[in-house]
Amino acid sequence: MRVMLDTNVLLSIAIFKSKALSMMLSAICESSDKQLVLSSYCIGECYEVAERKKPALIPALDRFFDAISFEMIHTPQTLPEHDWFTIRDKDDEKVLYSAI
């Protein structure tokens, strides 16, 4: 099973040290039947948020991403026209499109 996490979850683990979400990430990474998948959009968004809110946290993000095993998928800068779904927050469309 492939498991994709979004920006809020990643930041909660990497920066805010959420115990419950860290345990979830460990369970995913240590499982033989699960593969962590991260989109280029979510990784980039993590760095954008850190840069905007507290640039001193960027080294912690670097260490976090270096320490976990994941498959990265590329999110296109411009999404193709589609009628697969409608979503209220246009920024979240890239996250959902990447997951699909």
PDB file of N, CA and C in Angstrom:
ATOM      1  N   MET A   1       0.844  -1.165   0.000  1.00  0.00           N
ATOM      2  CA  MET A   1       0.000   0.000   0.000  1.00  0.00           C
ATOM      3  C   MET A   1       0.896   1.237   0.000  1.00  0.00           C
ATOM      4  N   ARG A   2       0.561   2.187  -0.822  1.00  0.00           N
ATOM      5  CA  ARG A   2       1.285   3.455  -0.878  1.00  0.00           C
ATOM      6  C   ARG A   2       0.523   4.465  -0.021  1.00  0.00           C
ATOM      7  N   VAL A   3       1.246   5.181   0.822  1.00  0.00           N
ATOM      8  CA  VAL A   3       0.646   6.139   1.748  1.00  0.00           C
ATOM      9  C   VAL A   3       1.235   7.512   1.474  1.00  0.00           C
ATOM     10  N   MET A   4       0.359   8.481   1.158  1.00  0.00           N
ATOM     11  CA  MET A   4       0.808   9.839   0.891  1.00  0.00           C
ATOM     12  C   MET A   4       0.403  10.743   2.052  1.00  0.00           C
ATOM     13  N   LEU A   5       1.334  11.561   2.492  1.00  0.00           N
ATOM     14  CA  LEU A   5       1.076  12.517   3.560  1.00  0.00           C
ATOM     15  C   LEU A   5       1.119  13.926   2.987  1.00  0.00           C
ATOM     16  N   ASP A   6       0.336  14.820   3.595  1.00  0.00           N
ATOM     17  CA  ASP A   6       0.308  16.196   3.099  1.00  0.00           C
ATOM     18  C   ASP A   6       1.201  17.098   3.954  1.00  0.00           C
ATOM     19  N   THR A   7       1.277  18.344   3.578  1.00  0.00           N
ATOM     20  CA  THR A   7       2.167  19.310   4.205  1.00  0.00           C
ATOM     21  C   THR A   7       1.918  19.458   5.700  1.00  0.00           C
ATOM     22  N   ASN A   8       0.659  19.588   6.094  1.00  0.00           N
ATOM     23  CA  ASN A   8       0.356  19.790   7.517  1.00  0.00           C
ATOM     24  C   ASN A   8       0.837  18.614   8.358  1.00  0.00           C
ATOM     25  N   VAL A   9       0.658  17.409   7.871  1.00  0.00           N
ATOM     26  CA  VAL A   9       1.108  16.231   8.611  1.00  0.00           C
ATOM     27  C   VAL A   9       2.631  16.213   8.681  1.00  0.00           C
ATOM     28  N   LEU A  10       3.282  16.482   7.557  1.00  0.00           N
ATOM     29  CA  LEU A  10       4.746  16.479   7.533  1.00  0.00           C
ATOM     30  C   LEU A  10       5.324  17.513   8.495  1.00  0.00           C
ATOM     31  N   LEU A  11       4.769  18.722   8.501  1.00  0.00           N
ATOM     32  CA  LEU A  11       5.259  19.757   9.411  1.00  0.00           C
ATOM     33  C   LEU A  11       4.965  19.411  10.864  1.00  0.00           C
ATOM     34  N   SER A  12       3.831  18.793  11.109  1.00  0.00           N
ATOM     35  CA  SER A  12       3.501  18.384  12.479  1.00  0.00           C
ATOM     36  C   SER A  12       4.502  17.373  13.009  1.00  0.00           C
ATOM     37  N   ILE A  13       5.009  16.527  12.128  1.00  0.00           N
ATOM     38  CA  ILE A  13       6.004  15.532  12.535  1.00  0.00           C
ATOM     39  C   ILE A  13       7.396  16.168  12.632  1.00  0.00           C
ATOM     40  N   ALA A  14       7.801  16.838  11.564  1.00  0.00           N
ATOM     41  CA  ALA A  14       9.181  17.322  11.456  1.00  0.00           C
ATOM     42  C   ALA A  14       9.484  18.505  12.372  1.00  0.00           C
ATOM     43  N   ILE A  15       8.548  19.410  12.510  1.00  0.00           N
ATOM     44  CA  ILE A  15       8.810  20.654  13.238  1.00  0.00           C
ATOM     45  C   ILE A  15       8.179  20.649  14.634  1.00  0.00           C
ATOM     46  N   PHE A  16       6.920  20.230  14.689  1.00  0.00           N
ATOM     47  CA  PHE A  16       6.191  20.322  15.953  1.00  0.00           C
ATOM     48  C   PHE A  16       6.266  19.043  16.784  1.00  0.00           C
ATOM     49  N   LYS A  17       6.949  18.022  16.245  1.00  0.00           N
ATOM     50  CA  LYS A  17       7.234  16.778  16.965  1.00  0.00           C
ATOM     51  C   LYS A  17       5.984  16.099  17.535  1.00  0.00           C
ATOM     52  N   SER A  18       4.918  16.057  16.741  1.00  0.00           N
ATOM     53  CA  SER A  18       3.696  15.353  17.160  1.00  0.00           C
ATOM     54  C   SER A  18       4.018  13.881  17.418  1.00  0.00           C
ATOM     55  N   LYS A  19       3.783  13.440  18.633  1.00  0.00           N
ATOM     56  CA  LYS A  19       4.093  12.065  19.030  1.00  0.00           C
ATOM     57  C   LYS A  19       3.239  11.066  18.246  1.00  0.00           C
ATOM     58  N   ALA A  20       1.932  11.332  18.188  1.00  0.00           N
ATOM     59  CA  ALA A  20       1.029  10.397  17.508  1.00  0.00           C
ATOM     60  C   ALA A  20       1.356  10.292  16.019  1.00  0.00           C
ATOM     61  N   LEU A  21       1.603  11.424  15.370  1.00  0.00           N
ATOM     62  CA  LEU A  21       1.917  11.388  13.939  1.00  0.00           C
ATOM     63  C   LEU A  21       3.302  10.798  13.685  1.00  0.00           C
ATOM     64  N   SER A  22       4.239  11.018  14.597  1.00  0.00           N
ATOM     65  CA  SER A  22       5.560  10.395  14.464  1.00  0.00           C
ATOM     66  C   SER A  22       5.459   8.883  14.549  1.00  0.00           C
ATOM     67  N   MET A  23       4.599   8.409  15.441  1.00  0.00           N
ATOM     68  CA  MET A  23       4.388   6.963  15.553  1.00  0.00           C
ATOM     69  C   MET A  23       3.758   6.413  14.274  1.00  0.00           C
ATOM     70  N   MET A  24       2.826   7.167  13.706  1.00  0.00           N
ATOM     71  CA  MET A  24       2.200   6.747  12.450  1.00  0.00           C
ATOM     72  C   MET A  24       3.253   6.665  11.339  1.00  0.00           C
ATOM     73  N   LEU A  25       4.110   7.684  11.250  1.00  0.00           N
ATOM     74  CA  LEU A  25       5.153   7.692  10.226  1.00  0.00           C
ATOM     75  C   LEU A  25       6.103   6.510  10.415  1.00  0.00           C
ATOM     76  N   SER A  26       6.468   6.229  11.644  1.00  0.00           N
ATOM     77  CA  SER A  26       7.340   5.082  11.916  1.00  0.00           C
ATOM     78  C   SER A  26       6.694   3.782  11.466  1.00  0.00           C
ATOM     79  N   ALA A  27       5.400   3.652  11.758  1.00  0.00           N
ATOM     80  CA  ALA A  27       4.686   2.433  11.355  1.00  0.00           C
ATOM     81  C   ALA A  27       4.673   2.288   9.835  1.00  0.00           C
ATOM     82  N   ILE A  28       4.513   3.397   9.128  1.00  0.00           N
ATOM     83  CA  ILE A  28       4.515   3.352   7.658  1.00  0.00           C
ATOM     84  C   ILE A  28       5.911   2.974   7.153  1.00  0.00           C
ATOM     85  N   CYS A  29       6.924   3.658   7.665  1.00  0.00           N
ATOM     86  CA  CYS A  29       8.291   3.457   7.165  1.00  0.00           C
ATOM     87  C   CYS A  29       8.855   2.083   7.518  1.00  0.00           C
ATOM     88  N   GLU A  30       8.420   1.531   8.632  1.00  0.00           N
ATOM     89  CA  GLU A  30       8.947   0.234   9.065  1.00  0.00           C
ATOM     90  C   GLU A  30       8.145  -0.949   8.539  1.00  0.00           C
ATOM     91  N   SER A  31       7.038  -0.685   7.899  1.00  0.00           N
ATOM     92  CA  SER A  31       6.182  -1.755   7.391  1.00  0.00           C
ATOM     93  C   SER A  31       6.735  -2.317   6.088  1.00  0.00           C
ATOM     94  N   SER A  32       6.615  -3.610   5.942  1.00  0.00           N
ATOM     95  CA  SER A  32       7.071  -4.238   4.704  1.00  0.00           C
ATOM     96  C   SER A  32       6.023  -4.129   3.595  1.00  0.00           C
ATOM     97  N   ASP A  33       4.797  -3.774   3.943  1.00  0.00           N
ATOM     98  CA  ASP A  33       3.747  -3.692   2.916  1.00  0.00           C
ATOM     99  C   ASP A  33       3.247  -2.261   2.686  1.00  0.00           C
ATOM    100  N   LYS A  34       3.979  -1.263   3.198  1.00  0.00           N
ATOM    101  CA  LYS A  34       3.606   0.135   2.983  1.00  0.00           C
ATOM    102  C   LYS A  34       4.792   0.904   2.428  1.00  0.00           C
ATOM    103  N   GLN A  35       4.513   1.854   1.567  1.00  0.00           N
ATOM    104  CA  GLN A  35       5.536   2.721   0.986  1.00  0.00           C
ATOM    105  C   GLN A  35       5.093   4.168   1.156  1.00  0.00           C
ATOM    106  N   LEU A  36       5.924   4.972   1.811  1.00  0.00           N
ATOM    107  CA  LEU A  36       5.637   6.392   1.963  1.00  0.00           C
ATOM    108  C   LEU A  36       5.862   7.081   0.627  1.00  0.00           C
ATOM    109  N   VAL A  37       4.889   7.896   0.222  1.00  0.00           N
ATOM    110  CA  VAL A  37       4.972   8.647  -1.027  1.00  0.00           C
ATOM    111  C   VAL A  37       4.780  10.122  -0.700  1.00  0.00           C
ATOM    112  N   LEU A  38       5.692  10.956  -1.159  1.00  0.00           N
ATOM    113  CA  LEU A  38       5.576  12.399  -0.952  1.00  0.00           C
ATOM    114  C   LEU A  38       5.618  13.090  -2.305  1.00  0.00           C
ATOM    115  N   SER A  39       4.806  14.115  -2.450  1.00  0.00           N
ATOM    116  CA  SER A  39       4.795  14.852  -3.713  1.00  0.00           C
ATOM    117  C   SER A  39       5.783  16.006  -3.655  1.00  0.00           C
ATOM    118  N   SER A  40       6.302  16.346  -4.808  1.00  0.00           N
ATOM    119  CA  SER A  40       7.220  17.488  -4.889  1.00  0.00           C
ATOM    120  C   SER A  40       6.516  18.755  -4.413  1.00  0.00           C
ATOM    121  N   TYR A  41       5.211  18.840  -4.639  1.00  0.00           N
ATOM    122  CA  TYR A  41       4.446  20.015  -4.202  1.00  0.00           C
ATOM    123  C   TYR A  41       4.450  20.127  -2.680  1.00  0.00           C
ATOM    124  N   CYS A  42       4.172  19.035  -1.971  1.00  0.00           N
ATOM    125  CA  CYS A  42       4.121  19.076  -0.501  1.00  0.00           C
ATOM    126  C   CYS A  42       5.493  19.335   0.104  1.00  0.00           C
ATOM    127  N   ILE A  43       6.527  18.734  -0.461  1.00  0.00           N
ATOM    128  CA  ILE A  43       7.876  18.988   0.040  1.00  0.00           C
ATOM    129  C   ILE A  43       8.222  20.467  -0.145  1.00  0.00           C
ATOM    130  N   GLY A  44       7.948  20.989  -1.319  1.00  0.00           N
ATOM    131  CA  GLY A  44       8.204  22.411  -1.579  1.00  0.00           C
ATOM    132  C   GLY A  44       7.399  23.313  -0.668  1.00  0.00           C
ATOM    133  N   GLU A  45       6.153  22.938  -0.421  1.00  0.00           N
ATOM    134  CA  GLU A  45       5.294  23.739   0.452  1.00  0.00           C
ATOM    135  C   GLU A  45       5.832  23.738   1.885  1.00  0.00           C
ATOM    136  N   CYS A  46       6.388  22.617   2.339  1.00  0.00           N
ATOM    137  CA  CYS A  46       7.001  22.563   3.676  1.00  0.00           C
ATOM    138  C   CYS A  46       8.100  23.611   3.788  1.00  0.00           C
ATOM    139  N   TYR A  47       8.940  23.689   2.773  1.00  0.00           N
ATOM    140  CA  TYR A  47      10.029  24.655   2.798  1.00  0.00           C
ATOM    141  C   TYR A  47       9.518  26.089   2.689  1.00  0.00           C
ATOM    142  N   GLU A  48       8.474  26.305   1.905  1.00  0.00           N
ATOM    143  CA  GLU A  48       7.897  27.654   1.790  1.00  0.00           C
ATOM    144  C   GLU A  48       7.337  28.118   3.130  1.00  0.00           C
ATOM    145  N   VAL A  49       6.632  27.237   3.829  1.00  0.00           N
ATOM    146  CA  VAL A  49       6.057  27.588   5.131  1.00  0.00           C
ATOM    147  C   VAL A  49       7.169  27.877   6.129  1.00  0.00           C
ATOM    148  N   ALA A  50       8.185  27.025   6.160  1.00  0.00           N
ATOM    149  CA  ALA A  50       9.299  27.245   7.087  1.00  0.00           C
ATOM    150  C   ALA A  50      10.005  28.569   6.781  1.00  0.00           C
ATOM    151  N   GLU A  51      10.241  28.831   5.513  1.00  0.00           N
ATOM    152  CA  GLU A  51      10.905  30.080   5.115  1.00  0.00           C
ATOM    153  C   GLU A  51      10.088  31.294   5.550  1.00  0.00           C
ATOM    154  N   ARG A  52       8.792  31.228   5.399  1.00  0.00           N
ATOM    155  CA  ARG A  52       7.904  32.344   5.727  1.00  0.00           C
ATOM    156  C   ARG A  52       7.764  32.541   7.243  1.00  0.00           C
ATOM    157  N   LYS A  53       7.632  31.429   7.978  1.00  0.00           N
ATOM    158  CA  LYS A  53       7.336  31.525   9.412  1.00  0.00           C
ATOM    159  C   LYS A  53       8.575  31.536  10.299  1.00  0.00           C
ATOM    160  N   LYS A  54       9.555  30.698   9.972  1.00  0.00           N
ATOM    161  CA  LYS A  54      10.748  30.607  10.821  1.00  0.00           C
ATOM    162  C   LYS A  54      11.877  29.937  10.044  1.00  0.00           C
ATOM    163  N   PRO A  55      12.639  30.731   9.291  1.00  0.00           N
ATOM    164  CA  PRO A  55      13.693  30.169   8.445  1.00  0.00           C
ATOM    165  C   PRO A  55      14.716  29.315   9.198  1.00  0.00           C
ATOM    166  N   ALA A  56      14.870  29.527  10.489  1.00  0.00           N
ATOM    167  CA  ALA A  56      15.826  28.726  11.263  1.00  0.00           C
ATOM    168  C   ALA A  56      15.434  27.255  11.312  1.00  0.00           C
ATOM    169  N   LEU A  57      14.190  26.937  10.935  1.00  0.00           N
ATOM    170  CA  LEU A  57      13.724  25.548  10.953  1.00  0.00           C
ATOM    171  C   LEU A  57      14.097  24.765   9.690  1.00  0.00           C
ATOM    172  N   ILE A  58      14.623  25.431   8.702  1.00  0.00           N
ATOM    173  CA  ILE A  58      14.947  24.752   7.441  1.00  0.00           C
ATOM    174  C   ILE A  58      15.957  23.619   7.633  1.00  0.00           C
ATOM    175  N   PRO A  59      17.006  23.782   8.444  1.00  0.00           N
ATOM    176  CA  PRO A  59      17.911  22.649   8.662  1.00  0.00           C
ATOM    177  C   PRO A  59      17.208  21.437   9.293  1.00  0.00           C
ATOM    178  N   ALA A  60      16.229  21.679  10.149  1.00  0.00           N
ATOM    179  CA  ALA A  60      15.467  20.573  10.742  1.00  0.00           C
ATOM    180  C   ALA A  60      14.670  19.846   9.662  1.00  0.00           C
ATOM    181  N   LEU A  61      14.120  20.593   8.702  1.00  0.00           N
ATOM    182  CA  LEU A  61      13.405  19.961   7.584  1.00  0.00           C
ATOM    183  C   LEU A  61      14.366  19.137   6.739  1.00  0.00           C
ATOM    184  N   ASP A  62      15.537  19.689   6.474  1.00  0.00           N
ATOM    185  CA  ASP A  62      16.546  18.938   5.709  1.00  0.00           C
ATOM    186  C   ASP A  62      16.865  17.609   6.398  1.00  0.00           C
ATOM    187  N   ARG A  63      17.096  17.660   7.701  1.00  0.00           N
ATOM    188  CA  ARG A  63      17.421  16.436   8.451  1.00  0.00           C
ATOM    189  C   ARG A  63      16.250  15.453   8.414  1.00  0.00           C
ATOM    190  N   PHE A  64      15.038  15.972   8.541  1.00  0.00           N
ATOM    191  CA  PHE A  64      13.843  15.124   8.522  1.00  0.00           C
ATOM    192  C   PHE A  64      13.740  14.377   7.199  1.00  0.00           C
ATOM    193  N   PHE A  65      13.808  15.091   6.089  1.00  0.00           N
ATOM    194  CA  PHE A  65      13.659  14.448   4.782  1.00  0.00           C
ATOM    195  C   PHE A  65      14.836  13.508   4.479  1.00  0.00           C
ATOM    196  N   ASP A  66      16.015  13.839   4.969  1.00  0.00           N
ATOM    197  CA  ASP A  66      17.171  12.955   4.783  1.00  0.00           C
ATOM    198  C   ASP A  66      17.034  11.665   5.587  1.00  0.00           C
ATOM    199  N   ALA A  67      16.298  11.727   6.702  1.00  0.00           N
ATOM    200  CA  ALA A  67      16.221  10.582   7.622  1.00  0.00           C
ATOM    201  C   ALA A  67      15.135   9.577   7.270  1.00  0.00           C
ATOM    202  N   ILE A  68      14.201   9.953   6.406  1.00  0.00           N
ATOM    203  CA  ILE A  68      13.110   9.028   6.094  1.00  0.00           C
ATOM    204  C   ILE A  68      13.240   8.512   4.665  1.00  0.00           C
ATOM    205  N   SER A  69      12.718   7.327   4.487  1.00  0.00           N
ATOM    206  CA  SER A  69      12.716   6.710   3.161  1.00  0.00           C
ATOM    207  C   SER A  69      11.356   6.956   2.521  1.00  0.00           C
ATOM    208  N   PHE A  70      11.367   7.505   1.310  1.00  0.00           N
ATOM    209  CA  PHE A  70      10.100   7.773   0.632  1.00  0.00           C
ATOM    210  C   PHE A  70      10.294   7.771  -0.876  1.00  0.00           C
ATOM    211  N   GLU A  71       9.193   7.566  -1.545  1.00  0.00           N
ATOM    212  CA  GLU A  71       9.148   7.703  -3.007  1.00  0.00           C
ATOM    213  C   GLU A  71       8.634   9.108  -3.287  1.00  0.00           C
ATOM    214  N   MET A  72       9.336   9.848  -4.124  1.00  0.00           N
ATOM    215  CA  MET A  72       8.865  11.188  -4.460  1.00  0.00           C
ATOM    216  C   MET A  72       8.224  11.160  -5.844  1.00  0.00           C
ATOM    217  N   ILE A  73       7.067  11.783  -5.919  1.00  0.00           N
ATOM    218  CA  ILE A  73       6.416  11.930  -7.212  1.00  0.00           C
ATOM    219  C   ILE A  73       6.390  13.408  -7.580  1.00  0.00           C
ATOM    220  N   HIS A  74       6.493  13.672  -8.838  1.00  0.00           N
ATOM    221  CA  HIS A  74       6.527  15.040  -9.341  1.00  0.00           C
ATOM    222  C   HIS A  74       5.103  15.555  -9.531  1.00  0.00           C
ATOM    223  N   THR A  75       4.829  16.722  -8.967  1.00  0.00           N
ATOM    224  CA  THR A  75       3.550  17.407  -9.178  1.00  0.00           C
ATOM    225  C   THR A  75       3.774  18.452 -10.268  1.00  0.00           C
ATOM    226  N   PRO A  76       3.010  18.391 -11.350  1.00  0.00           N
ATOM    227  CA  PRO A  76       3.193  19.390 -12.408  1.00  0.00           C
ATOM    228  C   PRO A  76       2.912  20.807 -11.893  1.00  0.00           C
ATOM    229  N   GLN A  77       3.642  21.782 -12.408  1.00  0.00           N
ATOM    230  CA  GLN A  77       3.400  23.180 -12.024  1.00  0.00           C
ATOM    231  C   GLN A  77       2.002  23.620 -12.439  1.00  0.00           C
ATOM    232  N   THR A  78       1.605  23.183 -13.624  1.00  0.00           N
ATOM    233  CA  THR A  78       0.265  23.497 -14.130  1.00  0.00           C
ATOM    234  C   THR A  78      -0.482  22.189 -14.297  1.00  0.00           C
ATOM    235  N   LEU A  79      -1.615  22.100 -13.651  1.00  0.00           N
ATOM    236  CA  LEU A  79      -2.395  20.872 -13.751  1.00  0.00           C
ATOM    237  C   LEU A  79      -3.183  20.854 -15.050  1.00  0.00           C
ATOM    238  N   PRO A  80      -3.324  19.694 -15.651  1.00  0.00           N
ATOM    239  CA  PRO A  80      -4.125  19.605 -16.871  1.00  0.00           C
ATOM    240  C   PRO A  80      -5.607  19.796 -16.537  1.00  0.00           C
ATOM    241  N   GLU A  81      -6.332  20.193 -17.524  1.00  0.00           N
ATOM    242  CA  GLU A  81      -7.785  20.301 -17.355  1.00  0.00           C
ATOM    243  C   GLU A  81      -8.353  18.907 -17.119  1.00  0.00           C
ATOM    244  N   HIS A  82      -9.274  18.792 -16.178  1.00  0.00           N
ATOM    245  CA  HIS A  82      -9.874  17.495 -15.866  1.00  0.00           C
ATOM    246  C   HIS A  82     -11.233  17.722 -15.223  1.00  0.00           C
ATOM    247  N   ASP A  83     -12.001  16.663 -15.143  1.00  0.00           N
ATOM    248  CA  ASP A  83     -13.285  16.730 -14.430  1.00  0.00           C
ATOM    249  C   ASP A  83     -13.362  15.612 -13.397  1.00  0.00           C
ATOM    250  N   TRP A  84     -12.199  15.247 -12.849  1.00  0.00           N
ATOM    251  CA  TRP A  84     -12.124  14.145 -11.888  1.00  0.00           C
ATOM    252  C   TRP A  84     -12.735  14.518 -10.554  1.00  0.00           C
ATOM    253  N   PHE A  85     -12.572  15.768 -10.140  1.00  0.00           N
ATOM    254  CA  PHE A  85     -13.047  16.198  -8.834  1.00  0.00           C
ATOM    255  C   PHE A  85     -13.139  17.718  -8.823  1.00  0.00           C
ATOM    256  N   THR A  86     -13.886  18.234  -7.874  1.00  0.00           N
ATOM    257  CA  THR A  86     -13.888  19.664  -7.598  1.00  0.00           C
ATOM    258  C   THR A  86     -13.466  19.824  -6.143  1.00  0.00           C
ATOM    259  N   ILE A  87     -12.758  20.874  -5.880  1.00  0.00           N
ATOM    260  CA  ILE A  87     -12.230  21.083  -4.540  1.00  0.00           C
ATOM    261  C   ILE A  87     -12.298  22.567  -4.214  1.00  0.00           C
ATOM    262  N   ARG A  88     -12.673  22.858  -2.995  1.00  0.00           N
ATOM    263  CA  ARG A  88     -12.888  24.244  -2.579  1.00  0.00           C
ATOM    264  C   ARG A  88     -11.589  25.054  -2.583  1.00  0.00           C
ATOM    265  N   ASP A  89     -10.537  24.513  -1.991  1.00  0.00           N
ATOM    266  CA  ASP A  89      -9.261  25.212  -1.908  1.00  0.00           C
ATOM    267  C   ASP A  89      -8.397  24.813  -3.099  1.00  0.00           C
ATOM    268  N   LYS A  90      -8.211  25.730  -4.025  1.00  0.00           N
ATOM    269  CA  LYS A  90      -7.477  25.433  -5.258  1.00  0.00           C
ATOM    270  C   LYS A  90      -6.051  24.943  -4.987  1.00  0.00           C
ATOM    271  N   ASP A  91      -5.422  25.405  -3.905  1.00  0.00           N
ATOM    272  CA  ASP A  91      -4.065  24.938  -3.592  1.00  0.00           C
ATOM    273  C   ASP A  91      -4.059  23.454  -3.255  1.00  0.00           C
ATOM    274  N   ASP A  92      -5.133  22.969  -2.635  1.00  0.00           N
ATOM    275  CA  ASP A  92      -5.210  21.543  -2.291  1.00  0.00           C
ATOM    276  C   ASP A  92      -5.448  20.661  -3.509  1.00  0.00           C
ATOM    277  N   GLU A  93      -5.824  21.264  -4.627  1.00  0.00           N
ATOM    278  CA  GLU A  93      -6.032  20.476  -5.843  1.00  0.00           C
ATOM    279  C   GLU A  93      -4.721  19.789  -6.266  1.00  0.00           C
ATOM    280  N   LYS A  94      -3.603  20.442  -6.074  1.00  0.00           N
ATOM    281  CA  LYS A  94      -2.311  19.842  -6.437  1.00  0.00           C
ATOM    282  C   LYS A  94      -2.011  18.635  -5.563  1.00  0.00           C
ATOM    283  N   VAL A  95      -2.389  18.702  -4.294  1.00  0.00           N
ATOM    284  CA  VAL A  95      -2.167  17.578  -3.392  1.00  0.00           C
ATOM    285  C   VAL A  95      -3.006  16.394  -3.831  1.00  0.00           C
ATOM    286  N   LEU A  96      -4.289  16.629  -4.080  1.00  0.00           N
ATOM    287  CA  LEU A  96      -5.185  15.561  -4.503  1.00  0.00           C
ATOM    288  C   LEU A  96      -4.779  15.003  -5.871  1.00  0.00           C
ATOM    289  N   TYR A  97      -4.442  15.868  -6.806  1.00  0.00           N
ATOM    290  CA  TYR A  97      -4.012  15.414  -8.133  1.00  0.00           C
ATOM    291  C   TYR A  97      -2.768  14.529  -8.006  1.00  0.00           C
ATOM    292  N   SER A  98      -1.835  14.924  -7.152  1.00  0.00           N
ATOM    293  CA  SER A  98      -0.625  14.114  -6.953  1.00  0.00           C
ATOM    294  C   SER A  98      -0.960  12.742  -6.406  1.00  0.00           C
ATOM    295  N   ALA A  99      -1.910  12.698  -5.501  1.00  0.00           N
ATOM    296  CA  ALA A  99      -2.293  11.412  -4.896  1.00  0.00           C
ATOM    297  C   ALA A  99      -2.928  10.490  -5.940  1.00  0.00           C
ATOM    298  N   ILE A 100      -3.738  11.073  -6.791  1.00  0.00           N
ATOM    299  CA  ILE A 100      -4.398  10.261  -7.829  1.00  0.00           C
ATOM    300  C   ILE A 100      -3.361   9.769  -8.822  1.00  0.00           C
TER     301      ILE A 100
END
